[in-house]
Amino acid sequence: MYAFAGLTILDLTRVLSGPYCTMYFADLGANVIKVEPPEGDETRAWGPPFVGGESSYFLSVNRNKRSIVLDLKTPAGKRALQQLVKRADVVVENFKPGTLARLGFGFDQLRALNPRIVLCSISGFGQTGPYRDVPGYDLIAQGMGGFMAVTGEPAGPPMKGGYSLADVGTGVWGIVGILTGLYMRDQRGEAVWVDTSLMETMMSWQTYLAGNFFATGRDPVRLGNIHPNICPYQTFPAQDGYLNVAVGNDRLWVAFCTAIGREDLVEDPRFRTNPDRVRHRDELIPILEDVFRTDTVASWVERLRAHHIPSGPIYRFSELYADPYVEAREMVLSTEHPTAGTVKSVGVPVKLVTSSGAASVRRNPPPLLGQHTAEVLREAGVAEDDVAEILQQVAGASQHTA
């Protein structure tokens, strides 16, 4: 049972945010058609590393899709896309705002072709507003969206996240927007345009930090791994590394003090409640750091978890993917690629179970450039003359990327 069986998505996106968004639907059974220009998604060339001639970057976010090559600047390419739109449920694009309309496939043109289409547009700053035409990349959004101002050590420079948070996060908001658009379409019987951006994604995650700013008028500052509203909630050094500890309420504080053998701290008036501990953070943290330095990370995590204190090690990737949790939760998905062999990528983080069983996850490899052009176009009823012309583009693309 595939959750999205029968759903057809035209994926006109490239790089990360859009492909990440559409891969979720592909994983759960949607017919996702990746429409690439003759030169292909640029991430096909983003490496090393390459595996069997394919970039690991591209392989990580394009499984379970079918690839076709269309040159949307040619009449044959436009006619083919028109046919595909008529049979699709969703179109996803992350061109610079206005580009799709200039190619003849803006929202008005799409809904004329298909009155029930859902268009999802992903961009740096949105389809409207003063920065509509400003190029947007993950790093720019992390900086302008406030994230880098509060990330890093207090005395250090602004710091971006280790992952592409704006790109991937906007891909997730794209998923949410598409699902909302499909619901609205089915309720109202009309086309829907979903507009989401990297900048708004970074702002949407500010939550309590924005709340603190609105309440006080003061800019949040970089605190390293310290939480501004909770104490202790941070990283501590142990004998052989670091661990994270999250004492989120006063009940946990009592249990925490017992776990570390410092019951005396419970009745210390400086630390009795969370507001007390936040106010006296500079006095409390050195005491706790001295305690944690007396034993190993594994020992502390075992002791803290025995008292139900949220805690954990700080894994390198090699440690993370050796943890039995990963296999138990099926968070590595393997596919067999025609040139790259066995390709591993991060699994689907949403599990769906109904009374009849769990939803299935597809395990098809990321496509070669233009691999499915002929079959997809013929399925859509594209004229054979146009198919022949477009296949010449596929051949040219293969020579270009060889």
Protein backbone atom coordinates (compact mmCIF):
# COMPACT_ATOMS: atom_id res chain seq x y z
CA MET A 1 0.00 0.00 0.00
CA TYR A 2 1.47 3.31 -1.13
CA ALA A 3 0.13 6.43 0.61
CA PHE A 4 0.32 8.56 -2.56
CA ALA A 5 -0.60 5.94 -5.17
CA GLY A 6 -2.33 7.65 -8.11
CA LEU A 7 -0.79 11.08 -7.42
CA THR A 8 1.28 12.54 -10.27
CA ILE A 9 3.85 15.27 -9.58
CA LEU A 10 5.85 17.15 -12.19
CA ASP A 11 9.17 18.02 -10.56
CA LEU A 12 10.77 20.96 -12.37
CA THR A 13 13.17 21.59 -9.48
CA ARG A 14 16.88 21.13 -9.06
CA VAL A 15 19.60 21.30 -6.40
CA LEU A 16 18.16 20.59 -2.92
CA SER A 17 14.98 22.19 -1.58
CA GLY A 18 12.68 21.10 -4.43
CA PRO A 19 14.15 17.61 -4.97
CA TYR A 20 13.98 16.95 -1.21
CA CYS A 21 10.31 17.99 -1.22
CA THR A 22 9.31 15.80 -4.15
CA MET A 23 11.32 12.79 -2.92
CA TYR A 24 8.95 12.45 0.04
CA PHE A 25 6.02 11.95 -2.32
CA ALA A 26 8.06 9.62 -4.54
CA ASP A 27 9.10 7.50 -1.55
CA LEU A 28 5.45 6.98 -0.61
CA GLY A 29 4.30 5.99 -4.06
CA ALA A 30 3.55 9.11 -6.08
CA ASN A 31 4.43 9.16 -9.78
CA VAL A 32 7.14 11.84 -9.64
CA ILE A 33 8.43 12.91 -13.06
CA LYS A 34 11.68 14.84 -12.80
CA VAL A 35 11.79 17.25 -15.74
CA GLU A 36 15.41 18.18 -16.44
CA PRO A 37 16.98 20.50 -19.02
CA PRO A 38 19.34 18.91 -21.56
CA GLU A 39 22.33 19.58 -19.28
CA GLY A 40 20.53 18.00 -16.33
CA ASP A 41 20.10 19.03 -12.71
CA GLU A 42 23.35 20.87 -11.90
CA THR A 43 23.92 18.72 -8.83
CA ARG A 44 24.69 15.79 -11.13
CA ALA A 45 28.08 17.51 -11.50
CA TRP A 46 28.51 18.53 -7.84
CA GLY A 47 31.40 16.45 -6.59
CA PRO A 48 33.51 14.65 -5.71
CA PRO A 49 32.51 12.24 -4.39
CA PHE A 50 31.07 10.47 -7.42
CA VAL A 51 29.81 6.88 -7.39
CA GLY A 52 29.64 5.10 -10.75
CA GLY A 53 29.75 8.46 -12.51
CA GLU A 54 26.88 9.90 -10.41
CA SER A 55 27.39 12.56 -7.74
CA SER A 56 26.54 11.46 -4.22
CA TYR A 57 24.80 14.82 -3.78
CA PHE A 58 22.32 14.11 -6.60
CA LEU A 59 21.82 10.51 -5.47
CA SER A 60 20.87 11.64 -1.96
CA VAL A 61 17.63 13.43 -2.92
CA ASN A 62 16.33 11.93 -6.17
CA ARG A 63 15.43 8.29 -5.57
CA ASN A 64 12.09 6.86 -6.73
CA LYS A 65 11.68 9.44 -9.52
CA ARG A 66 11.62 9.12 -13.29
CA SER A 67 13.79 11.52 -15.29
CA ILE A 68 12.84 13.09 -18.61
CA VAL A 69 14.73 15.70 -20.59
CA LEU A 70 12.76 18.66 -21.98
CA ASP A 71 14.08 21.89 -23.40
CA LEU A 72 11.31 24.26 -22.38
CA LYS A 73 12.60 26.91 -24.75
CA THR A 74 11.62 24.78 -27.77
CA PRO A 75 8.10 24.31 -29.17
CA ALA A 76 8.32 20.50 -28.80
CA GLY A 77 9.41 20.80 -25.18
CA LYS A 78 6.57 23.21 -24.39
CA ARG A 79 3.97 21.01 -26.06
CA ALA A 80 5.19 17.98 -24.17
CA LEU A 81 5.01 19.78 -20.83
CA GLN A 82 1.50 20.98 -21.65
CA GLN A 83 0.42 17.37 -22.13
CA LEU A 84 2.04 16.36 -18.86
CA VAL A 85 0.37 19.22 -16.96
CA LYS A 86 -3.06 18.10 -18.15
CA ARG A 87 -2.53 14.72 -16.46
CA ALA A 88 -0.73 15.95 -13.31
CA ASP A 89 -1.93 16.81 -9.83
CA VAL A 90 1.04 18.94 -8.75
CA VAL A 91 3.80 21.00 -10.35
CA VAL A 92 6.81 21.91 -8.20
CA GLU A 93 9.36 24.49 -9.33
CA ASN A 94 12.20 26.49 -7.83
CA PHE A 95 13.13 28.81 -10.67
CA LYS A 96 13.78 32.48 -9.99
CA PRO A 97 10.33 34.11 -9.54
CA GLY A 98 8.76 34.97 -12.89
CA THR A 99 10.82 32.48 -14.93
CA LEU A 100 8.08 29.86 -15.20
CA ALA A 101 5.59 32.46 -16.41
CA ARG A 102 8.05 33.70 -19.04
CA LEU A 103 8.33 30.12 -20.30
CA GLY A 104 4.55 30.05 -20.67
CA PHE A 105 3.75 28.01 -17.56
CA GLY A 106 2.81 30.51 -14.86
CA PHE A 107 -0.07 29.81 -12.50
CA ASP A 108 -2.67 31.31 -14.87
CA GLN A 109 -1.41 29.24 -17.81
CA LEU A 110 -1.22 26.06 -15.70
CA ARG A 111 -4.76 26.34 -14.37
CA ALA A 112 -6.02 27.01 -17.89
CA LEU A 113 -4.49 23.67 -18.88
CA ASN A 114 -5.63 21.92 -15.69
CA PRO A 115 -8.23 23.64 -13.48
CA ARG A 116 -7.32 21.38 -10.52
CA ILE A 117 -3.55 21.80 -10.58
CA VAL A 118 -1.54 22.57 -7.45
CA LEU A 119 1.55 24.65 -8.18
CA CYS A 120 4.27 24.81 -5.51
CA SER A 121 6.87 27.54 -6.02
CA ILE A 122 10.02 27.47 -3.87
CA SER A 123 12.31 30.51 -3.94
CA GLY A 124 14.77 32.47 -1.86
CA PHE A 125 12.43 35.25 -0.75
CA GLY A 126 8.96 34.45 -2.11
CA GLN A 127 6.96 35.40 -5.18
CA THR A 128 6.15 38.90 -3.87
CA GLY A 129 7.86 41.54 -1.76
CA PRO A 130 10.95 43.74 -2.11
CA TYR A 131 13.42 40.83 -2.40
CA ARG A 132 11.43 38.84 -4.96
CA ASP A 133 14.19 39.14 -7.59
CA VAL A 134 17.15 38.75 -5.22
CA PRO A 135 18.97 35.41 -5.69
CA GLY A 136 18.52 33.22 -2.63
CA TYR A 137 20.74 30.40 -1.40
CA ASP A 138 20.81 28.48 1.84
CA LEU A 139 23.69 30.48 3.32
CA ILE A 140 22.04 33.82 2.50
CA ALA A 141 18.76 32.76 4.12
CA GLN A 142 20.50 31.48 7.25
CA GLY A 143 22.18 34.87 7.59
CA MET A 144 19.24 37.14 6.79
CA GLY A 145 16.69 34.92 8.57
CA GLY A 146 18.31 35.46 11.99
CA PHE A 147 19.76 31.98 12.43
CA MET A 148 23.44 32.89 12.18
CA ALA A 149 23.03 35.76 14.64
CA VAL A 150 22.16 33.27 17.38
CA THR A 151 24.40 30.36 16.34
CA GLY A 152 27.99 29.91 17.49
CA GLU A 153 30.01 30.70 20.59
CA PRO A 154 29.42 34.08 22.29
CA ALA A 155 32.86 35.43 21.40
CA GLY A 156 32.99 33.82 17.97
CA PRO A 157 31.74 34.88 14.54
CA PRO A 158 28.23 34.15 13.24
CA MET A 159 27.94 30.48 12.30
CA LYS A 160 25.75 28.62 9.82
CA GLY A 161 24.27 25.22 10.55
CA GLY A 162 26.19 22.10 9.60
CA TYR A 163 23.29 21.01 7.38
CA SER A 164 21.58 23.04 4.65
CA LEU A 165 18.80 24.00 7.03
CA ALA A 166 17.10 26.61 4.87
CA ASP A 167 17.03 24.40 1.78
CA VAL A 168 15.87 21.23 3.50
CA GLY A 169 13.47 23.07 5.80
CA THR A 170 11.84 24.82 2.85
CA GLY A 171 11.50 21.43 1.18
CA VAL A 172 9.54 20.29 4.24
CA TRP A 173 7.34 23.39 4.13
CA GLY A 174 6.81 22.62 0.44
CA ILE A 175 5.50 19.18 1.44
CA VAL A 176 3.16 20.79 3.97
CA GLY A 177 2.02 23.37 1.43
CA ILE A 178 1.34 20.77 -1.26
CA LEU A 179 -0.68 18.60 1.11
CA THR A 180 -2.64 21.70 2.16
CA GLY A 181 -3.12 22.65 -1.50
CA LEU A 182 -4.40 19.19 -2.39
CA TYR A 183 -6.88 19.35 0.48
CA MET A 184 -8.08 22.80 -0.62
CA ARG A 185 -8.37 21.64 -4.22
CA ASP A 186 -10.46 18.65 -3.23
CA GLN A 187 -12.67 20.78 -0.97
CA ARG A 188 -13.16 23.70 -3.38
CA GLY A 189 -12.50 22.17 -6.80
CA GLU A 190 -10.04 24.85 -7.86
CA ALA A 191 -6.35 25.27 -8.55
CA VAL A 192 -4.01 26.35 -5.73
CA TRP A 193 -0.65 28.16 -5.80
CA VAL A 194 1.66 27.32 -2.89
CA ASP A 195 4.36 29.96 -2.33
CA THR A 196 7.15 29.24 0.18
CA SER A 197 10.69 30.54 0.59
CA LEU A 198 14.02 29.92 2.28
CA MET A 199 13.84 33.22 4.15
CA GLU A 200 10.42 32.52 5.63
CA THR A 201 11.51 29.03 6.62
CA MET A 202 14.35 30.38 8.74
CA MET A 203 12.02 32.94 10.33
CA SER A 204 9.32 30.35 11.05
CA TRP A 205 11.69 28.40 13.29
CA GLN A 206 12.53 31.34 15.57
CA THR A 207 9.50 30.59 17.82
CA TYR A 208 10.50 31.39 21.43
CA LEU A 209 13.54 33.45 20.37
CA ALA A 210 11.24 35.76 18.41
CA GLY A 211 8.87 35.69 21.39
CA ASN A 212 11.70 36.79 23.67
CA PHE A 213 12.56 39.60 21.26
CA PHE A 214 8.95 40.78 20.96
CA ALA A 215 8.62 40.72 24.76
CA THR A 216 11.82 42.62 25.54
CA GLY A 217 12.96 44.41 22.40
CA ARG A 218 16.42 42.96 22.93
CA ASP A 219 18.28 41.04 20.23
CA PRO A 220 18.93 37.39 21.08
CA VAL A 221 22.66 36.68 21.18
CA ARG A 222 24.91 33.72 20.43
CA LEU A 223 25.05 31.40 23.44
CA GLY A 224 26.83 28.39 21.96
CA ASN A 225 24.94 25.30 23.12
CA ILE A 226 23.20 27.06 26.01
CA HIS A 227 19.42 27.50 26.05
CA PRO A 228 18.38 31.08 26.88
CA ASN A 229 15.29 30.08 28.89
CA ILE A 230 16.22 26.75 30.50
CA CYS A 231 19.11 25.69 32.76
CA PRO A 232 20.81 23.26 32.63
CA TYR A 233 20.11 22.55 28.96
CA GLN A 234 23.41 22.35 27.11
CA THR A 235 26.57 20.44 26.26
CA PHE A 236 28.97 19.29 28.99
CA PRO A 237 32.54 17.96 28.73
CA ALA A 238 33.15 14.46 30.10
CA GLN A 239 36.41 12.52 30.45
CA ASP A 240 36.41 11.31 26.85
CA GLY A 241 34.14 13.66 24.92
CA TYR A 242 30.91 15.62 25.23
CA LEU A 243 27.29 14.89 26.06
CA ASN A 244 24.06 16.84 25.90
CA VAL A 245 21.80 17.21 28.93
CA ALA A 246 18.29 18.70 28.93
CA VAL A 247 16.73 19.42 32.34
CA GLY A 248 13.46 20.90 31.20
CA ASN A 249 11.57 21.34 34.47
CA ASP A 250 11.99 21.38 38.25
CA ARG A 251 10.91 17.75 38.66
CA LEU A 252 13.70 16.71 36.34
CA TRP A 253 16.08 18.95 38.25
CA VAL A 254 15.54 16.94 41.43
CA ALA A 255 16.08 13.66 39.60
CA PHE A 256 19.12 15.10 37.84
CA CYS A 257 20.77 16.08 41.11
CA THR A 258 20.21 12.55 42.42
CA ALA A 259 21.66 11.03 39.24
CA ILE A 260 24.89 13.02 39.49
CA GLY A 261 25.21 12.57 43.24
CA ARG A 262 24.69 16.23 44.11
CA GLU A 263 21.43 16.20 46.07
CA ASP A 264 22.73 19.23 47.98
CA LEU A 265 22.05 21.41 44.94
CA VAL A 266 18.29 20.81 45.17
CA GLU A 267 17.84 23.01 48.23
CA ASP A 268 20.38 25.63 47.25
CA PRO A 269 18.25 28.80 46.96
CA ARG A 270 20.24 29.88 43.89
CA PHE A 271 19.10 26.81 41.95
CA ARG A 272 15.71 25.82 43.38
CA THR A 273 13.58 26.75 40.35
CA ASN A 274 14.33 27.14 36.67
CA PRO A 275 14.17 30.96 36.80
CA ASP A 276 16.64 30.78 39.71
CA ARG A 277 18.96 28.55 37.73
CA VAL A 278 18.79 30.78 34.64
CA ARG A 279 19.61 33.85 36.76
CA HIS A 280 22.51 32.04 38.46
CA ARG A 281 23.70 30.14 35.41
CA ASP A 282 27.27 31.43 35.73
CA GLU A 283 27.50 29.92 39.22
CA LEU A 284 25.78 26.60 38.46
CA ILE A 285 27.46 25.57 35.21
CA PRO A 286 31.06 25.46 36.56
CA ILE A 287 29.86 23.17 39.37
CA LEU A 288 28.22 20.80 36.88
CA GLU A 289 31.20 20.88 34.52
CA ASP A 290 33.47 19.70 37.35
CA VAL A 291 31.06 16.83 38.06
CA PHE A 292 30.82 15.65 34.46
CA ARG A 293 34.59 15.67 33.98
CA THR A 294 34.88 12.81 36.51
CA ASP A 295 33.46 10.08 34.23
CA THR A 296 32.97 9.03 30.60
CA VAL A 297 30.20 10.01 28.21
CA ALA A 298 28.77 6.47 28.11
CA SER A 299 28.72 6.20 31.89
CA TRP A 300 26.98 9.53 32.34
CA VAL A 301 24.37 8.81 29.68
CA GLU A 302 23.61 5.45 31.30
CA ARG A 303 23.24 7.02 34.75
CA LEU A 304 21.14 9.94 33.56
CA ARG A 305 18.81 7.79 31.48
CA ALA A 306 18.35 5.46 34.46
CA HIS A 307 16.80 8.49 36.18
CA HIS A 308 14.81 9.45 33.03
CA ILE A 309 16.91 12.55 32.36
CA PRO A 310 16.99 13.48 28.63
CA SER A 311 20.62 13.07 27.62
CA GLY A 312 22.74 11.70 24.83
CA PRO A 313 26.17 11.55 23.23
CA ILE A 314 27.26 13.77 20.35
CA TYR A 315 27.67 11.35 17.48
CA ARG A 316 29.92 11.52 14.48
CA PHE A 317 28.19 10.10 11.39
CA SER A 318 30.15 6.84 11.73
CA GLU A 319 28.81 6.45 15.27
CA LEU A 320 25.27 7.45 14.36
CA TYR A 321 24.95 4.92 11.53
CA ALA A 322 26.37 2.16 13.74
CA ASP A 323 23.65 2.74 16.36
CA PRO A 324 20.99 -0.04 16.30
CA TYR A 325 18.33 2.67 16.45
CA VAL A 326 18.99 3.50 12.79
CA GLU A 327 18.25 -0.01 11.57
CA ALA A 328 15.28 -0.45 13.89
CA ARG A 329 13.68 2.71 12.54
CA GLU A 330 14.63 1.98 8.90
CA MET A 331 16.50 5.24 8.56
CA VAL A 332 18.84 4.00 5.84
CA LEU A 333 17.25 3.17 2.49
CA SER A 334 19.27 1.14 -0.02
CA THR A 335 18.59 1.01 -3.77
CA GLU A 336 20.38 -0.69 -6.68
CA HIS A 337 21.57 1.85 -9.24
CA PRO A 338 22.55 0.81 -12.80
CA THR A 339 26.00 2.45 -12.60
CA ALA A 340 26.56 3.30 -8.94
CA GLY A 341 25.62 -0.10 -7.53
CA THR A 342 24.12 -0.15 -4.04
CA VAL A 343 23.25 3.42 -3.07
CA LYS A 344 22.43 4.26 0.54
CA SER A 345 20.51 7.37 1.54
CA VAL A 346 18.68 8.65 4.59
CA GLY A 347 15.30 6.96 5.05
CA VAL A 348 11.81 8.39 5.38
CA PRO A 349 11.23 10.04 8.80
CA VAL A 350 7.43 9.61 8.71
CA LYS A 351 5.93 6.19 9.39
CA LEU A 352 2.28 5.65 8.45
CA VAL A 353 0.22 2.80 9.87
CA THR A 354 -3.46 2.09 9.25
CA SER A 355 -5.77 -0.67 10.42
CA SER A 356 -4.78 -2.60 7.29
CA GLY A 357 -1.04 -2.21 7.82
CA ALA A 358 1.88 0.14 7.26
CA ALA A 359 2.31 2.28 4.18
CA SER A 360 5.00 0.95 1.87
CA VAL A 361 8.16 2.82 0.89
CA ARG A 362 9.48 2.53 -2.65
CA ARG A 363 13.07 1.43 -3.25
CA ASN A 364 13.87 2.56 -6.79
CA PRO A 365 17.27 4.17 -7.52
CA PRO A 366 17.75 7.78 -8.56
CA PRO A 367 17.33 8.03 -12.35
CA LEU A 368 19.94 8.50 -15.02
CA LEU A 369 19.54 11.75 -16.94
CA GLY A 370 16.60 11.37 -19.32
CA GLN A 371 16.27 7.65 -18.53
CA HIS A 372 12.47 7.62 -18.74
CA THR A 373 11.83 10.27 -21.39
CA ALA A 374 10.28 8.02 -24.03
CA GLU A 375 8.01 6.04 -21.73
CA VAL A 376 6.74 9.09 -19.82
CA LEU A 377 6.02 11.13 -22.95
CA ARG A 378 4.20 8.26 -24.62
CA GLU A 379 2.16 7.65 -21.47
CA ALA A 380 1.11 11.32 -21.65
CA GLY A 381 0.06 11.04 -25.29
CA VAL A 382 2.75 13.34 -26.68
CA ALA A 383 2.88 13.29 -30.49
CA GLU A 384 5.47 10.87 -31.89
CA ASP A 385 7.15 13.62 -33.93
CA ASP A 386 7.68 15.59 -30.73
CA VAL A 387 8.89 12.48 -28.89
CA ALA A 388 11.48 11.87 -31.63
CA GLU A 389 12.68 15.47 -31.48
CA ILE A 390 12.91 15.41 -27.70
CA LEU A 391 14.82 12.12 -27.70
CA GLN A 392 17.48 13.84 -29.76
CA GLN A 393 17.86 16.20 -26.81
CA VAL A 394 18.31 13.18 -24.53
CA ALA A 395 21.04 11.84 -26.81
CA GLY A 396 22.72 15.23 -26.83
CA ALA A 397 22.51 15.39 -23.05
CA SER A 398 24.14 11.98 -22.74
CA GLN A 399 27.04 13.09 -24.91
CA HIS A 400 27.34 16.31 -22.93
CA THR A 401 27.59 14.53 -19.58
CA ALA A 402 29.74 11.59 -20.74
